[in-house]
Amino acid sequence: MPQFIFAYHGGKTPDTPEEGEKVMAEWMAWFGSMGDAVAVPGNPVGMSKTVSASGVADDGGANPLSGYTVVNAADMDAATEMAKGCPMVVSGNGTVEVAEIIEM
Protein backbone atom coordinates (compact mmCIF):
# COMPACT_ATOMS: atom_id res chain seq x y z
CA MET A 1 0.00 0.00 0.00
CA PRO A 2 1.33 3.46 -0.84
CA GLN A 3 2.64 5.69 1.92
CA PHE A 4 2.02 9.42 2.22
CA ILE A 5 3.74 12.05 4.31
CA PHE A 6 1.67 14.63 6.13
CA ALA A 7 3.75 17.81 6.49
CA TYR A 8 2.20 20.11 9.07
CA HIS A 9 2.39 23.88 8.74
CA GLY A 10 1.22 26.28 11.42
CA GLY A 11 -0.19 25.52 14.82
CA LYS A 12 1.17 26.88 18.06
CA THR A 13 2.80 25.68 21.23
CA PRO A 14 0.23 25.26 24.02
CA ASP A 15 0.32 28.07 26.60
CA THR A 16 -0.38 25.88 29.65
CA PRO A 17 0.15 22.25 30.67
CA GLU A 18 -3.63 21.80 30.66
CA GLU A 19 -3.89 23.11 27.11
CA GLY A 20 -1.01 20.79 26.15
CA GLU A 21 -2.88 17.79 27.55
CA LYS A 22 -6.03 18.78 25.64
CA VAL A 23 -4.11 19.20 22.37
CA MET A 24 -2.29 15.88 22.86
CA ALA A 25 -5.62 14.13 23.49
CA GLU A 26 -6.98 15.58 20.22
CA TRP A 27 -3.96 14.31 18.29
CA MET A 28 -4.12 10.87 19.92
CA ALA A 29 -7.85 10.61 19.12
CA TRP A 30 -7.15 11.50 15.49
CA PHE A 31 -4.33 8.97 15.25
CA GLY A 32 -6.63 6.40 16.88
CA SER A 33 -9.34 7.10 14.29
CA MET A 34 -6.84 6.24 11.52
CA GLY A 35 -5.82 2.97 13.22
CA ASP A 36 -3.18 0.91 11.42
CA ALA A 37 -2.95 3.50 8.63
CA VAL A 38 -0.53 5.46 10.85
CA ALA A 39 2.86 4.05 9.86
CA VAL A 40 5.03 6.67 11.62
CA PRO A 41 3.23 9.00 14.06
CA GLY A 42 6.06 11.51 13.67
CA ASN A 43 6.71 14.51 15.87
CA PRO A 44 6.59 18.27 15.97
CA VAL A 45 9.77 19.91 14.73
CA GLY A 46 11.71 23.01 15.77
CA MET A 47 12.51 26.02 13.63
CA SER A 48 14.20 25.01 10.41
CA LYS A 49 16.90 26.54 8.25
CA THR A 50 16.60 26.71 4.49
CA VAL A 51 19.72 25.64 2.59
CA SER A 52 20.13 26.77 -1.02
CA ALA A 53 22.94 27.44 -3.48
CA SER A 54 23.03 31.03 -2.24
CA GLY A 55 23.47 30.10 1.43
CA VAL A 56 21.52 29.31 4.59
CA ALA A 57 18.46 31.25 5.72
CA ASP A 58 17.40 31.06 9.37
CA ASP A 59 13.75 31.97 8.84
CA GLY A 60 12.31 28.51 8.17
CA GLY A 61 11.21 29.45 4.67
CA ALA A 62 7.95 30.86 3.37
CA ASN A 63 5.82 28.21 5.09
CA PRO A 64 7.81 26.60 7.93
CA LEU A 65 7.31 22.94 8.71
CA SER A 66 5.91 22.29 12.18
CA GLY A 67 5.78 18.49 12.16
CA TYR A 68 5.17 15.32 10.15
CA THR A 69 3.40 11.94 10.07
CA VAL A 70 3.61 9.03 7.62
CA VAL A 71 0.40 7.13 6.77
CA ASN A 72 -0.60 4.20 4.59
CA ALA A 73 -3.48 4.92 2.22
CA ALA A 74 -4.93 3.40 -0.93
CA ASP A 75 -4.43 6.62 -2.91
CA MET A 76 -4.06 10.40 -2.66
CA ASP A 77 -7.82 10.88 -2.20
CA ALA A 78 -7.87 8.53 0.80
CA ALA A 79 -4.81 10.24 2.30
CA THR A 80 -6.30 13.72 1.91
CA GLU A 81 -9.54 12.54 3.53
CA MET A 82 -7.51 11.38 6.54
CA ALA A 83 -5.68 14.72 6.66
CA LYS A 84 -8.98 16.60 6.93
CA GLY A 85 -9.32 15.26 10.49
CA CYS A 86 -6.01 16.74 11.66
CA PRO A 87 -6.55 18.82 14.82
CA MET A 88 -4.70 21.77 13.24
CA VAL A 89 -7.04 21.70 10.23
CA VAL A 90 -10.17 21.24 12.34
CA SER A 91 -9.21 24.16 14.61
CA GLY A 92 -8.19 26.38 11.69
CA ASN A 93 -4.70 26.87 13.18
CA GLY A 94 -2.73 25.16 10.43
CA THR A 95 -2.59 23.12 7.26
CA VAL A 96 -1.46 19.67 6.16
CA GLU A 97 0.51 19.18 2.98
CA VAL A 98 0.02 15.61 1.66
CA ALA A 99 2.57 13.97 -0.66
CA GLU A 100 3.02 10.38 -1.78
CA ILE A 101 6.32 8.81 -0.78
CA ILE A 102 7.81 7.35 -3.96
CA GLU A 103 9.61 4.03 -3.54
CA MET A 104 13.03 4.03 -5.21
PDB file of N, CA and C in Angstrom:
ATOM      1  N   MET A   1       0.844  -1.180   0.000  1.00  0.00           N
ATOM      2  CA  MET A   1       0.000   0.000   0.000  1.00  0.00           C
ATOM      3  C   MET A   1       0.890   1.243   0.000  1.00  0.00           C
ATOM      4  N   PRO A   2       0.527   2.230  -0.793  1.00  0.00           N
ATOM      5  CA  PRO A   2       1.328   3.459  -0.837  1.00  0.00           C
ATOM      6  C   PRO A   2       1.391   4.162   0.514  1.00  0.00           C
ATOM      7  N   GLN A   3       2.495   4.870   0.722  1.00  0.00           N
ATOM      8  CA  GLN A   3       2.639   5.693   1.916  1.00  0.00           C
ATOM      9  C   GLN A   3       2.628   7.164   1.515  1.00  0.00           C
ATOM     10  N   PHE A   4       2.124   7.983   2.430  1.00  0.00           N
ATOM     11  CA  PHE A   4       2.023   9.421   2.218  1.00  0.00           C
ATOM     12  C   PHE A   4       2.584  10.128   3.432  1.00  0.00           C
ATOM     13  N   ILE A   5       3.257  11.241   3.193  1.00  0.00           N
ATOM     14  CA  ILE A   5       3.741  12.051   4.307  1.00  0.00           C
ATOM     15  C   ILE A   5       2.784  13.214   4.494  1.00  0.00           C
ATOM     16  N   PHE A   6       2.443  13.455   5.745  1.00  0.00           N
ATOM     17  CA  PHE A   6       1.674  14.631   6.125  1.00  0.00           C
ATOM     18  C   PHE A   6       2.688  15.627   6.680  1.00  0.00           C
ATOM     19  N   ALA A   7       2.853  16.746   6.020  1.00  0.00           N
ATOM     20  CA  ALA A   7       3.752  17.807   6.489  1.00  0.00           C
ATOM     21  C   ALA A   7       2.878  18.904   7.071  1.00  0.00           C
ATOM     22  N   TYR A   8       3.033  19.140   8.370  1.00  0.00           N
ATOM     23  CA  TYR A   8       2.203  20.110   9.072  1.00  0.00           C
ATOM     24  C   TYR A   8       2.826  21.500   9.015  1.00  0.00           C
ATOM     25  N   HIS A   9       1.971  22.480   8.773  1.00  0.00           N
ATOM     26  CA  HIS A   9       2.388  23.878   8.740  1.00  0.00           C
ATOM     27  C   HIS A   9       1.455  24.665   9.653  1.00  0.00           C
ATOM     28  N   GLY A  10       2.030  25.464  10.526  1.00  0.00           N
ATOM     29  CA  GLY A  10       1.219  26.280  11.415  1.00  0.00           C
ATOM     30  C   GLY A  10       1.100  25.657  12.784  1.00  0.00           C
ATOM     31  N   GLY A  11      -0.002  25.972  13.455  1.00  0.00           N
ATOM     32  CA  GLY A  11      -0.195  25.522  14.824  1.00  0.00           C
ATOM     33  C   GLY A  11       0.548  26.429  15.782  1.00  0.00           C
ATOM     34  N   LYS A  12       0.461  26.089  17.059  1.00  0.00           N
ATOM     35  CA  LYS A  12       1.167  26.881  18.064  1.00  0.00           C
ATOM     36  C   LYS A  12       1.461  26.000  19.261  1.00  0.00           C
ATOM     37  N   THR A  13       2.453  26.394  20.012  1.00  0.00           N
ATOM     38  CA  THR A  13       2.801  25.683  21.231  1.00  0.00           C
ATOM     39  C   THR A  13       1.758  26.011  22.294  1.00  0.00           C
ATOM     40  N   PRO A  14       1.227  24.998  22.975  1.00  0.00           N
ATOM     41  CA  PRO A  14       0.231  25.262  24.022  1.00  0.00           C
ATOM     42  C   PRO A  14       0.792  26.210  25.087  1.00  0.00           C
ATOM     43  N   ASP A  15      -0.083  27.073  25.609  1.00  0.00           N
ATOM     44  CA  ASP A  15       0.318  28.069  26.601  1.00  0.00           C
ATOM     45  C   ASP A  15       0.406  27.510  28.020  1.00  0.00           C
ATOM     46  N   THR A  16      -0.355  26.449  28.302  1.00  0.00           N
ATOM     47  CA  THR A  16      -0.379  25.883  29.654  1.00  0.00           C
ATOM     48  C   THR A  16      -0.267  24.369  29.574  1.00  0.00           C
ATOM     49  N   PRO A  17       0.133  23.717  30.660  1.00  0.00           N
ATOM     50  CA  PRO A  17       0.155  22.250  30.673  1.00  0.00           C
ATOM     51  C   PRO A  17      -1.230  21.654  30.395  1.00  0.00           C
ATOM     52  N   GLU A  18      -2.272  22.296  30.881  1.00  0.00           N
ATOM     53  CA  GLU A  18      -3.630  21.804  30.657  1.00  0.00           C
ATOM     54  C   GLU A  18      -4.002  21.866  29.175  1.00  0.00           C
ATOM     55  N   GLU A  19      -3.636  22.981  28.540  1.00  0.00           N
ATOM     56  CA  GLU A  19      -3.890  23.108  27.107  1.00  0.00           C
ATOM     57  C   GLU A  19      -3.078  22.063  26.343  1.00  0.00           C
ATOM     58  N   GLY A  20      -1.851  21.810  26.777  1.00  0.00           N
ATOM     59  CA  GLY A  20      -1.012  20.791  26.149  1.00  0.00           C
ATOM     60  C   GLY A  20      -1.639  19.413  26.241  1.00  0.00           C
ATOM     61  N   GLU A  21      -2.210  19.086  27.389  1.00  0.00           N
ATOM     62  CA  GLU A  21      -2.882  17.788  27.553  1.00  0.00           C
ATOM     63  C   GLU A  21      -4.091  17.681  26.635  1.00  0.00           C
ATOM     64  N   LYS A  22      -4.850  18.772  26.510  1.00  0.00           N
ATOM     65  CA  LYS A  22      -6.027  18.778  25.636  1.00  0.00           C
ATOM     66  C   LYS A  22      -5.613  18.577  24.180  1.00  0.00           C
ATOM     67  N   VAL A  23      -4.587  19.307  23.752  1.00  0.00           N
ATOM     68  CA  VAL A  23      -4.109  19.201  22.373  1.00  0.00           C
ATOM     69  C   VAL A  23      -3.585  17.791  22.106  1.00  0.00           C
ATOM     70  N   MET A  24      -2.822  17.237  23.046  1.00  0.00           N
ATOM     71  CA  MET A  24      -2.290  15.880  22.860  1.00  0.00           C
ATOM     72  C   MET A  24      -3.427  14.868  22.759  1.00  0.00           C
ATOM     73  N   ALA A  25      -4.464  15.037  23.551  1.00  0.00           N
ATOM     74  CA  ALA A  25      -5.617  14.133  23.494  1.00  0.00           C
ATOM     75  C   ALA A  25      -6.307  14.209  22.130  1.00  0.00           C
ATOM     76  N   GLU A  26      -6.391  15.425  21.564  1.00  0.00           N
ATOM     77  CA  GLU A  26      -6.982  15.584  20.223  1.00  0.00           C
ATOM     78  C   GLU A  26      -6.157  14.849  19.171  1.00  0.00           C
ATOM     79  N   TRP A  27      -4.833  14.985  19.250  1.00  0.00           N
ATOM     80  CA  TRP A  27      -3.961  14.306  18.288  1.00  0.00           C
ATOM     81  C   TRP A  27      -4.049  12.786  18.451  1.00  0.00           C
ATOM     82  N   MET A  28      -4.058  12.316  19.693  1.00  0.00           N
ATOM     83  CA  MET A  28      -4.122  10.869  19.918  1.00  0.00           C
ATOM     84  C   MET A  28      -5.459  10.303  19.440  1.00  0.00           C
ATOM     85  N   ALA A  29      -6.540  11.049  19.611  1.00  0.00           N
ATOM     86  CA  ALA A  29      -7.848  10.609  19.125  1.00  0.00           C
ATOM     87  C   ALA A  29      -7.849  10.533  17.597  1.00  0.00           C
ATOM     88  N   TRP A  30      -7.234  11.515  16.961  1.00  0.00           N
ATOM     89  CA  TRP A  30      -7.154  11.505  15.494  1.00  0.00           C
ATOM     90  C   TRP A  30      -6.323  10.324  15.020  1.00  0.00           C
ATOM     91  N   PHE A  31      -5.147  10.119  15.626  1.00  0.00           N
ATOM     92  CA  PHE A  31      -4.327   8.969  15.253  1.00  0.00           C
ATOM     93  C   PHE A  31      -5.108   7.679  15.477  1.00  0.00           C
ATOM     94  N   GLY A  32      -5.830   7.588  16.589  1.00  0.00           N
ATOM     95  CA  GLY A  32      -6.635   6.400  16.882  1.00  0.00           C
ATOM     96  C   GLY A  32      -7.702   6.165  15.829  1.00  0.00           C
ATOM     97  N   SER A  33      -8.293   7.235  15.314  1.00  0.00           N
ATOM     98  CA  SER A  33      -9.337   7.098  14.290  1.00  0.00           C
ATOM     99  C   SER A  33      -8.778   6.556  12.981  1.00  0.00           C
ATOM    100  N   MET A  34      -7.466   6.748  12.747  1.00  0.00           N
ATOM    101  CA  MET A  34      -6.837   6.241  11.522  1.00  0.00           C
ATOM    102  C   MET A  34      -6.303   4.825  11.699  1.00  0.00           C
ATOM    103  N   GLY A  35      -6.222   4.349  12.942  1.00  0.00           N
ATOM    104  CA  GLY A  35      -5.816   2.970  13.216  1.00  0.00           C
ATOM    105  C   GLY A  35      -4.463   2.610  12.632  1.00  0.00           C
ATOM    106  N   ASP A  36      -4.425   1.441  11.972  1.00  0.00           N
ATOM    107  CA  ASP A  36      -3.181   0.909  11.416  1.00  0.00           C
ATOM    108  C   ASP A  36      -2.643   1.716  10.234  1.00  0.00           C
ATOM    109  N   ALA A  37      -3.427   2.672   9.742  1.00  0.00           N
ATOM    110  CA  ALA A  37      -2.946   3.501   8.635  1.00  0.00           C
ATOM    111  C   ALA A  37      -1.767   4.373   9.067  1.00  0.00           C
ATOM    112  N   VAL A  38      -1.640   4.639  10.368  1.00  0.00           N
ATOM    113  CA  VAL A  38      -0.533   5.462  10.854  1.00  0.00           C
ATOM    114  C   VAL A  38       0.725   4.600  10.900  1.00  0.00           C
ATOM    115  N   ALA A  39       1.626   4.829   9.942  1.00  0.00           N
ATOM    116  CA  ALA A  39       2.864   4.052   9.864  1.00  0.00           C
ATOM    117  C   ALA A  39       3.937   4.640  10.774  1.00  0.00           C
ATOM    118  N   VAL A  40       4.057   5.957  10.789  1.00  0.00           N
ATOM    119  CA  VAL A  40       5.029   6.673  11.624  1.00  0.00           C
ATOM    120  C   VAL A  40       4.292   7.885  12.201  1.00  0.00           C
ATOM    121  N   PRO A  41       3.974   7.871  13.501  1.00  0.00           N
ATOM    122  CA  PRO A  41       3.233   9.004  14.059  1.00  0.00           C
ATOM    123  C   PRO A  41       3.959  10.329  13.888  1.00  0.00           C
ATOM    124  N   GLY A  42       5.280  10.297  13.858  1.00  0.00           N
ATOM    125  CA  GLY A  42       6.056  11.514  13.668  1.00  0.00           C
ATOM    126  C   GLY A  42       6.146  12.330  14.931  1.00  0.00           C
ATOM    127  N   ASN A  43       6.493  13.589  14.755  1.00  0.00           N
ATOM    128  CA  ASN A  43       6.712  14.512  15.866  1.00  0.00           C
ATOM    129  C   ASN A  43       6.597  15.936  15.383  1.00  0.00           C
ATOM    130  N   PRO A  44       6.421  16.857  16.333  1.00  0.00           N
ATOM    131  CA  PRO A  44       6.591  18.267  15.974  1.00  0.00           C
ATOM    132  C   PRO A  44       8.074  18.505  15.691  1.00  0.00           C
ATOM    133  N   VAL A  45       8.376  19.572  14.996  1.00  0.00           N
ATOM    134  CA  VAL A  45       9.771  19.911  14.733  1.00  0.00           C
ATOM    135  C   VAL A  45      10.036  21.354  15.158  1.00  0.00           C
ATOM    136  N   GLY A  46      11.304  21.650  15.408  1.00  0.00           N
ATOM    137  CA  GLY A  46      11.705  23.007  15.767  1.00  0.00           C
ATOM    138  C   GLY A  46      11.876  23.863  14.525  1.00  0.00           C
ATOM    139  N   MET A  47      12.297  25.094  14.740  1.00  0.00           N
ATOM    140  CA  MET A  47      12.512  26.022  13.633  1.00  0.00           C
ATOM    141  C   MET A  47      13.569  25.460  12.685  1.00  0.00           C
ATOM    142  N   SER A  48      13.295  25.561  11.409  1.00  0.00           N
ATOM    143  CA  SER A  48      14.204  25.009  10.414  1.00  0.00           C
ATOM    144  C   SER A  48      15.066  26.104   9.796  1.00  0.00           C
ATOM    145  N   LYS A  49      16.059  25.668   9.066  1.00  0.00           N
ATOM    146  CA  LYS A  49      16.897  26.541   8.252  1.00  0.00           C
ATOM    147  C   LYS A  49      16.717  26.091   6.810  1.00  0.00           C
ATOM    148  N   THR A  50      16.745  27.021   5.901  1.00  0.00           N
ATOM    149  CA  THR A  50      16.602  26.711   4.490  1.00  0.00           C
ATOM    150  C   THR A  50      17.976  26.810   3.829  1.00  0.00           C
ATOM    151  N   VAL A  51      18.413  25.706   3.233  1.00  0.00           N
ATOM    152  CA  VAL A  51      19.722  25.640   2.591  1.00  0.00           C
ATOM    153  C   VAL A  51      19.518  25.708   1.078  1.00  0.00           C
ATOM    154  N   SER A  52      20.198  26.634   0.436  1.00  0.00           N
ATOM    155  CA  SER A  52      20.129  26.771  -1.021  1.00  0.00           C
ATOM    156  C   SER A  52      21.525  27.058  -1.551  1.00  0.00           C
ATOM    157  N   ALA A  53      21.649  27.148  -2.864  1.00  0.00           N
ATOM    158  CA  ALA A  53      22.940  27.440  -3.477  1.00  0.00           C
ATOM    159  C   ALA A  53      23.479  28.799  -3.037  1.00  0.00           C
ATOM    160  N   SER A  54      22.574  29.693  -2.639  1.00  0.00           N
ATOM    161  CA  SER A  54      23.028  31.028  -2.241  1.00  0.00           C
ATOM    162  C   SER A  54      23.338  31.143  -0.748  1.00  0.00           C
ATOM    163  N   GLY A  55      23.139  30.062   0.008  1.00  0.00           N
ATOM    164  CA  GLY A  55      23.474  30.103   1.426  1.00  0.00           C
ATOM    165  C   GLY A  55      22.420  29.472   2.313  1.00  0.00           C
ATOM    166  N   VAL A  56      22.439  29.869   3.587  1.00  0.00           N
ATOM    167  CA  VAL A  56      21.524  29.311   4.588  1.00  0.00           C
ATOM    168  C   VAL A  56      20.688  30.444   5.173  1.00  0.00           C
ATOM    169  N   ALA A  57      19.381  30.272   5.136  1.00  0.00           N
ATOM    170  CA  ALA A  57      18.460  31.247   5.724  1.00  0.00           C
ATOM    171  C   ALA A  57      17.906  30.677   7.021  1.00  0.00           C
ATOM    172  N   ASP A  58      17.851  31.499   8.057  1.00  0.00           N
ATOM    173  CA  ASP A  58      17.398  31.057   9.375  1.00  0.00           C
ATOM    174  C   ASP A  58      15.899  31.175   9.589  1.00  0.00           C
ATOM    175  N   ASP A  59      15.150  31.637   8.609  1.00  0.00           N
ATOM    176  CA  ASP A  59      13.748  31.970   8.839  1.00  0.00           C
ATOM    177  C   ASP A  59      12.767  30.813   8.703  1.00  0.00           C
ATOM    178  N   GLY A  60      13.219  29.630   8.332  1.00  0.00           N
ATOM    179  CA  GLY A  60      12.307  28.507   8.174  1.00  0.00           C
ATOM    180  C   GLY A  60      11.554  28.510   6.859  1.00  0.00           C
ATOM    181  N   GLY A  61      11.855  29.423   5.984  1.00  0.00           N
ATOM    182  CA  GLY A  61      11.213  29.447   4.675  1.00  0.00           C
ATOM    183  C   GLY A  61       9.870  30.160   4.684  1.00  0.00           C
ATOM    184  N   ALA A  62       9.211  30.149   3.537  1.00  0.00           N
ATOM    185  CA  ALA A  62       7.949  30.857   3.374  1.00  0.00           C
ATOM    186  C   ALA A  62       6.812  30.221   4.173  1.00  0.00           C
ATOM    187  N   ASN A  63       6.873  28.922   4.373  1.00  0.00           N
ATOM    188  CA  ASN A  63       5.816  28.207   5.090  1.00  0.00           C
ATOM    189  C   ASN A  63       6.475  27.144   5.963  1.00  0.00           C
ATOM    190  N   PRO A  64       7.005  27.527   7.121  1.00  0.00           N
ATOM    191  CA  PRO A  64       7.811  26.600   7.928  1.00  0.00           C
ATOM    192  C   PRO A  64       7.079  25.322   8.314  1.00  0.00           C
ATOM    193  N   LEU A  65       7.813  24.247   8.288  1.00  0.00           N
ATOM    194  CA  LEU A  65       7.311  22.944   8.706  1.00  0.00           C
ATOM    195  C   LEU A  65       7.182  22.932  10.223  1.00  0.00           C
ATOM    196  N   SER A  66       6.068  22.387  10.729  1.00  0.00           N
ATOM    197  CA  SER A  66       5.910  22.295  12.180  1.00  0.00           C
ATOM    198  C   SER A  66       5.844  20.858  12.673  1.00  0.00           C
ATOM    199  N   GLY A  67       5.781  19.889  11.763  1.00  0.00           N
ATOM    200  CA  GLY A  67       5.777  18.488  12.157  1.00  0.00           C
ATOM    201  C   GLY A  67       5.476  17.590  10.969  1.00  0.00           C
ATOM    202  N   TYR A  68       5.414  16.284  11.222  1.00  0.00           N
ATOM    203  CA  TYR A  68       5.169  15.324  10.146  1.00  0.00           C
ATOM    204  C   TYR A  68       4.562  14.033  10.697  1.00  0.00           C
ATOM    205  N   THR A  69       3.922  13.277   9.801  1.00  0.00           N
ATOM    206  CA  THR A  69       3.403  11.937  10.068  1.00  0.00           C
ATOM    207  C   THR A  69       3.481  11.184   8.751  1.00  0.00           C
ATOM    208  N   VAL A  70       3.660   9.868   8.813  1.00  0.00           N
ATOM    209  CA  VAL A  70       3.606   9.026   7.622  1.00  0.00           C
ATOM    210  C   VAL A  70       2.423   8.078   7.784  1.00  0.00           C
ATOM    211  N   VAL A  71       1.564   8.011   6.741  1.00  0.00           N
ATOM    212  CA  VAL A  71       0.397   7.132   6.773  1.00  0.00           C
ATOM    213  C   VAL A  71       0.387   6.214   5.557  1.00  0.00           C
ATOM    214  N   ASN A  72      -0.312   5.102   5.704  1.00  0.00           N
ATOM    215  CA  ASN A  72      -0.600   4.201   4.593  1.00  0.00           C
ATOM    216  C   ASN A  72      -2.000   4.531   4.099  1.00  0.00           C
ATOM    217  N   ALA A  73      -2.164   4.653   2.786  1.00  0.00           N
ATOM    218  CA  ALA A  73      -3.484   4.920   2.217  1.00  0.00           C
ATOM    219  C   ALA A  73      -3.550   4.334   0.816  1.00  0.00           C
ATOM    220  N   ALA A  74      -4.744   4.004   0.385  1.00  0.00           N
ATOM    221  CA  ALA A  74      -4.933   3.400  -0.932  1.00  0.00           C
ATOM    222  C   ALA A  74      -4.503   4.344  -2.053  1.00  0.00           C
ATOM    223  N   ASP A  75      -4.755   5.634  -1.876  1.00  0.00           N
ATOM    224  CA  ASP A  75      -4.433   6.617  -2.907  1.00  0.00           C
ATOM    225  C   ASP A  75      -4.435   8.020  -2.299  1.00  0.00           C
ATOM    226  N   MET A  76      -4.139   9.016  -3.125  1.00  0.00           N
ATOM    227  CA  MET A  76      -4.063  10.399  -2.660  1.00  0.00           C
ATOM    228  C   MET A  76      -5.400  10.860  -2.081  1.00  0.00           C
ATOM    229  N   ASP A  77      -6.511  10.471  -2.710  1.00  0.00           N
ATOM    230  CA  ASP A  77      -7.819  10.884  -2.201  1.00  0.00           C
ATOM    231  C   ASP A  77      -8.053  10.366  -0.789  1.00  0.00           C
ATOM    232  N   ALA A  78      -7.698   9.111  -0.544  1.00  0.00           N
ATOM    233  CA  ALA A  78      -7.868   8.530   0.796  1.00  0.00           C
ATOM    234  C   ALA A  78      -6.970   9.237   1.806  1.00  0.00           C
ATOM    235  N   ALA A  79      -5.748   9.558   1.406  1.00  0.00           N
ATOM    236  CA  ALA A  79      -4.812  10.243   2.303  1.00  0.00           C
ATOM    237  C   ALA A  79      -5.312  11.643   2.636  1.00  0.00           C
ATOM    238  N   THR A  80      -5.818  12.367   1.632  1.00  0.00           N
ATOM    239  CA  THR A  80      -6.300  13.720   1.909  1.00  0.00           C
ATOM    240  C   THR A  80      -7.559  13.691   2.779  1.00  0.00           C
ATOM    241  N   GLU A  81      -8.379  12.672   2.641  1.00  0.00           N
ATOM    242  CA  GLU A  81      -9.543  12.538   3.525  1.00  0.00           C
ATOM    243  C   GLU A  81      -9.089  12.369   4.971  1.00  0.00           C
ATOM    244  N   MET A  82      -8.047  11.551   5.184  1.00  0.00           N
ATOM    245  CA  MET A  82      -7.511  11.380   6.541  1.00  0.00           C
ATOM    246  C   MET A  82      -6.985  12.708   7.074  1.00  0.00           C
ATOM    247  N   ALA A  83      -6.290  13.457   6.232  1.00  0.00           N
ATOM    248  CA  ALA A  83      -5.678  14.719   6.658  1.00  0.00           C
ATOM    249  C   ALA A  83      -6.722  15.744   7.101  1.00  0.00           C
ATOM    250  N   LYS A  84      -7.923  15.660   6.563  1.00  0.00           N
ATOM    251  CA  LYS A  84      -8.977  16.603   6.932  1.00  0.00           C
ATOM    252  C   LYS A  84      -9.322  16.532   8.421  1.00  0.00           C
ATOM    253  N   GLY A  85      -9.031  15.405   9.075  1.00  0.00           N
ATOM    254  CA  GLY A  85      -9.322  15.263  10.495  1.00  0.00           C
ATOM    255  C   GLY A  85      -8.228  15.766  11.411  1.00  0.00           C
ATOM    256  N   CYS A  86      -7.122  16.254  10.853  1.00  0.00           N
ATOM    257  CA  CYS A  86      -6.006  16.741  11.664  1.00  0.00           C
ATOM    258  C   CYS A  86      -6.482  17.849  12.598  1.00  0.00           C
ATOM    259  N   PRO A  87      -6.122  17.776  13.875  1.00  0.00           N
ATOM    260  CA  PRO A  87      -6.550  18.816  14.817  1.00  0.00           C
ATOM    261  C   PRO A  87      -6.194  20.239  14.385  1.00  0.00           C
ATOM    262  N   MET A  88      -5.065  20.423  13.705  1.00  0.00           N
ATOM    263  CA  MET A  88      -4.698  21.772  13.244  1.00  0.00           C
ATOM    264  C   MET A  88      -5.645  22.249  12.152  1.00  0.00           C
ATOM    265  N   VAL A  89      -6.097  21.342  11.296  1.00  0.00           N
ATOM    266  CA  VAL A  89      -7.037  21.698  10.232  1.00  0.00           C
ATOM    267  C   VAL A  89      -8.409  21.983  10.838  1.00  0.00           C
ATOM    268  N   VAL A  90      -8.856  21.091  11.720  1.00  0.00           N
ATOM    269  CA  VAL A  90     -10.169  21.240  12.343  1.00  0.00           C
ATOM    270  C   VAL A  90     -10.271  22.554  13.111  1.00  0.00           C
ATOM    271  N   SER A  91      -9.194  22.935  13.817  1.00  0.00           N
ATOM    272  CA  SER A  91      -9.208  24.162  14.612  1.00  0.00           C
ATOM    273  C   SER A  91      -8.969  25.417  13.768  1.00  0.00           C
ATOM    274  N   GLY A  92      -8.511  25.241  12.539  1.00  0.00           N
ATOM    275  CA  GLY A  92      -8.194  26.378  11.685  1.00  0.00           C
ATOM    276  C   GLY A  92      -6.842  27.009  11.984  1.00  0.00           C
ATOM    277  N   ASN A  93      -6.007  26.315  12.789  1.00  0.00           N
ATOM    278  CA  ASN A  93      -4.703  26.868  13.179  1.00  0.00           C
ATOM    279  C   ASN A  93      -3.548  26.422  12.299  1.00  0.00           C
ATOM    280  N   GLY A  94      -3.828  25.623  11.260  1.00  0.00           N
ATOM    281  CA  GLY A  94      -2.730  25.156  10.432  1.00  0.00           C
ATOM    282  C   GLY A  94      -3.232  24.393   9.226  1.00  0.00           C
ATOM    283  N   THR A  95      -2.279  23.880   8.466  1.00  0.00           N
ATOM    284  CA  THR A  95      -2.587  23.122   7.256  1.00  0.00           C
ATOM    285  C   THR A  95      -1.769  21.837   7.234  1.00  0.00           C
ATOM    286  N   VAL A  96      -2.199  20.910   6.379  1.00  0.00           N
ATOM    287  CA  VAL A  96      -1.463  19.671   6.161  1.00  0.00           C
ATOM    288  C   VAL A  96      -1.174  19.555   4.676  1.00  0.00           C
ATOM    289  N   GLU A  97       0.099  19.449   4.345  1.00  0.00           N
ATOM    290  CA  GLU A  97       0.512  19.177   2.975  1.00  0.00           C
ATOM    291  C   GLU A  97       0.635  17.672   2.848  1.00  0.00           C
ATOM    292  N   VAL A  98       0.022  17.061   1.844  1.00  0.00           N
ATOM    293  CA  VAL A  98       0.024  15.614   1.658  1.00  0.00           C
ATOM    294  C   VAL A  98       0.798  15.290   0.397  1.00  0.00           C
ATOM    295  N   ALA A  99       1.782  14.385   0.510  1.00  0.00           N
ATOM    296  CA  ALA A  99       2.566  13.973  -0.657  1.00  0.00           C
ATOM    297  C   ALA A  99       2.831  12.474  -0.591  1.00  0.00           C
ATOM    298  N   GLU A 100       2.713  11.814  -1.732  1.00  0.00           N
ATOM    299  CA  GLU A 100       3.024  10.378  -1.777  1.00  0.00           C
ATOM    300  C   GLU A 100       4.534  10.184  -1.657  1.00  0.00           C
ATOM    301  N   ILE A 101       4.925   9.186  -0.905  1.00  0.00           N
ATOM    302  CA  ILE A 101       6.324   8.808  -0.782  1.00  0.00           C
ATOM    303  C   ILE A 101       6.602   7.828  -1.914  1.00  0.00           C
ATOM    304  N   ILE A 102       7.503   8.164  -2.788  1.00  0.00           N
ATOM    305  CA  ILE A 102       7.811   7.349  -3.959  1.00  0.00           C
ATOM    306  C   ILE A 102       8.901   6.354  -3.610  1.00  0.00           C
ATOM    307  N   GLU A 103       8.616   5.071  -3.790  1.00  0.00           N
ATOM    308  CA  GLU A 103       9.609   4.031  -3.542  1.00  0.00           C
ATOM    309  C   GLU A 103      10.667   4.074  -4.640  1.00  0.00           C
ATOM    310  N   MET A 104      11.921   4.016  -4.244  1.00  0.00           N
ATOM    311  CA  MET A 104      13.030   4.032  -5.207  1.00  0.00           C
ATOM    312  C   MET A 104      13.673   2.670  -5.272  1.00  0.00           C
TER     313      MET A 104
END
